[in-house]
């Protein structure tokens, strides 16, 4: 049960991060007010790493900034570690 809840959480946050990165790219192209980098990085680190990283490359947005790659890597790493942990310990309830 916990694994399923966590999987839904990560999928939902990845979807949100994906669309937020694309929205920021569109705002950048139009010269409009931008979404703060801290917001993008927080979304990615807290569960939206896969969606955010995918959007980075599909939209070609923030790909030159090393700290975006670093935060996505660390975020995806801890998200994957928790997935594996919950997979092998399904009785744990947070």
Protein backbone atom coordinates (compact mmCIF):
# COMPACT_ATOMS: atom_id res chain seq x y z
CA UNK A 1 0.00 0.00 0.00
CA UNK A 2 2.78 2.43 0.93
CA UNK A 3 4.61 1.63 -2.32
CA UNK A 4 1.49 2.43 -4.35
CA UNK A 5 0.93 5.73 -2.55
CA UNK A 6 4.55 6.71 -3.07
CA UNK A 7 4.41 5.73 -6.75
CA UNK A 8 1.32 7.91 -7.25
CA UNK A 9 3.02 10.78 -5.39
CA UNK A 10 6.17 10.60 -7.55
CA UNK A 11 4.16 10.26 -10.78
CA UNK A 12 1.96 13.24 -9.90
CA UNK A 13 4.87 15.44 -8.86
CA UNK A 14 6.83 14.44 -11.98
CA UNK A 15 3.89 15.45 -14.12
CA UNK A 16 3.62 18.79 -12.32
CA UNK A 17 7.37 19.41 -12.65
CA UNK A 18 7.25 18.51 -16.35
CA UNK A 19 4.58 21.12 -17.08
CA UNK A 20 6.15 23.76 -14.83
CA UNK A 21 9.48 23.45 -16.67
CA UNK A 22 7.69 23.84 -20.01
CA UNK A 23 5.71 26.81 -18.67
CA UNK A 24 8.96 28.47 -17.56
CA UNK A 25 10.49 27.88 -20.99
CA UNK A 26 7.50 29.53 -22.68
CA UNK A 27 7.71 32.49 -20.31
CA UNK A 28 11.42 32.83 -21.09
CA UNK A 29 10.73 32.87 -24.82
CA UNK A 30 8.08 35.57 -24.39
CA UNK A 31 10.21 37.65 -22.03
CA UNK A 32 7.64 37.34 -19.24
CA UNK A 33 8.11 36.98 -15.50
CA UNK A 34 9.77 33.63 -14.79
CA UNK A 35 9.24 30.82 -12.34
CA UNK A 36 12.05 31.02 -9.75
CA UNK A 37 14.85 28.47 -10.14
CA UNK A 38 14.38 27.50 -6.50
CA UNK A 39 10.81 26.41 -7.30
CA UNK A 40 11.92 24.31 -10.25
CA UNK A 41 14.69 22.67 -8.23
CA UNK A 42 12.45 22.04 -5.22
CA UNK A 43 9.79 20.36 -7.36
CA UNK A 44 12.42 18.14 -8.94
CA UNK A 45 14.15 17.25 -5.69
CA UNK A 46 10.99 16.47 -3.71
CA UNK A 47 9.66 13.90 -6.14
CA UNK A 48 9.41 15.33 -9.62
CA UNK A 49 12.96 14.52 -10.69
CA UNK A 50 12.06 12.29 -13.62
CA UNK A 51 9.51 14.69 -15.05
CA UNK A 52 11.69 17.72 -14.49
CA UNK A 53 14.77 16.12 -16.04
CA UNK A 54 12.80 14.91 -19.04
CA UNK A 55 11.31 18.36 -19.55
CA UNK A 56 14.77 19.94 -19.27
CA UNK A 57 15.92 18.05 -22.32
CA UNK A 58 12.72 18.09 -24.35
CA UNK A 59 12.32 21.85 -23.89
CA UNK A 60 16.09 22.47 -23.94
CA UNK A 61 15.66 24.48 -20.78
CA UNK A 62 18.27 24.95 -18.03
CA UNK A 63 20.51 22.28 -19.56
CA UNK A 64 23.65 24.42 -19.30
CA UNK A 65 23.34 24.93 -15.56
CA UNK A 66 25.34 22.27 -13.71
CA UNK A 67 23.36 22.58 -10.50
CA UNK A 68 20.14 21.57 -12.27
CA UNK A 69 21.80 18.34 -13.39
CA UNK A 70 23.20 17.80 -9.90
CA UNK A 71 19.87 18.35 -8.11
CA UNK A 72 18.03 16.11 -10.57
CA UNK A 73 20.63 13.38 -10.12
CA UNK A 74 20.46 13.52 -6.32
CA UNK A 75 16.67 13.73 -6.38
CA UNK A 76 16.24 10.79 -8.72
CA UNK A 77 18.79 8.84 -6.70
CA UNK A 78 16.95 9.21 -3.38
CA UNK A 79 13.57 8.66 -5.06
CA UNK A 80 14.82 5.41 -6.61
CA UNK A 81 16.36 4.31 -3.30
CA UNK A 82 13.05 4.86 -1.53
CA UNK A 83 11.24 2.95 -4.30
CA UNK A 84 13.54 -0.04 -3.80
CA UNK A 85 13.23 0.17 -0.03
CA UNK A 86 9.43 0.24 -0.16
CA UNK A 87 9.39 -2.56 -2.71
CA UNK A 88 11.24 -4.88 -0.32
CA UNK A 89 9.54 -3.63 2.86
CA UNK A 90 5.86 -3.32 1.91
CA UNK A 91 4.74 -3.55 5.54
CA UNK A 92 6.33 -0.19 6.45
CA UNK A 93 3.76 2.55 6.87
CA UNK A 94 4.90 6.14 7.22
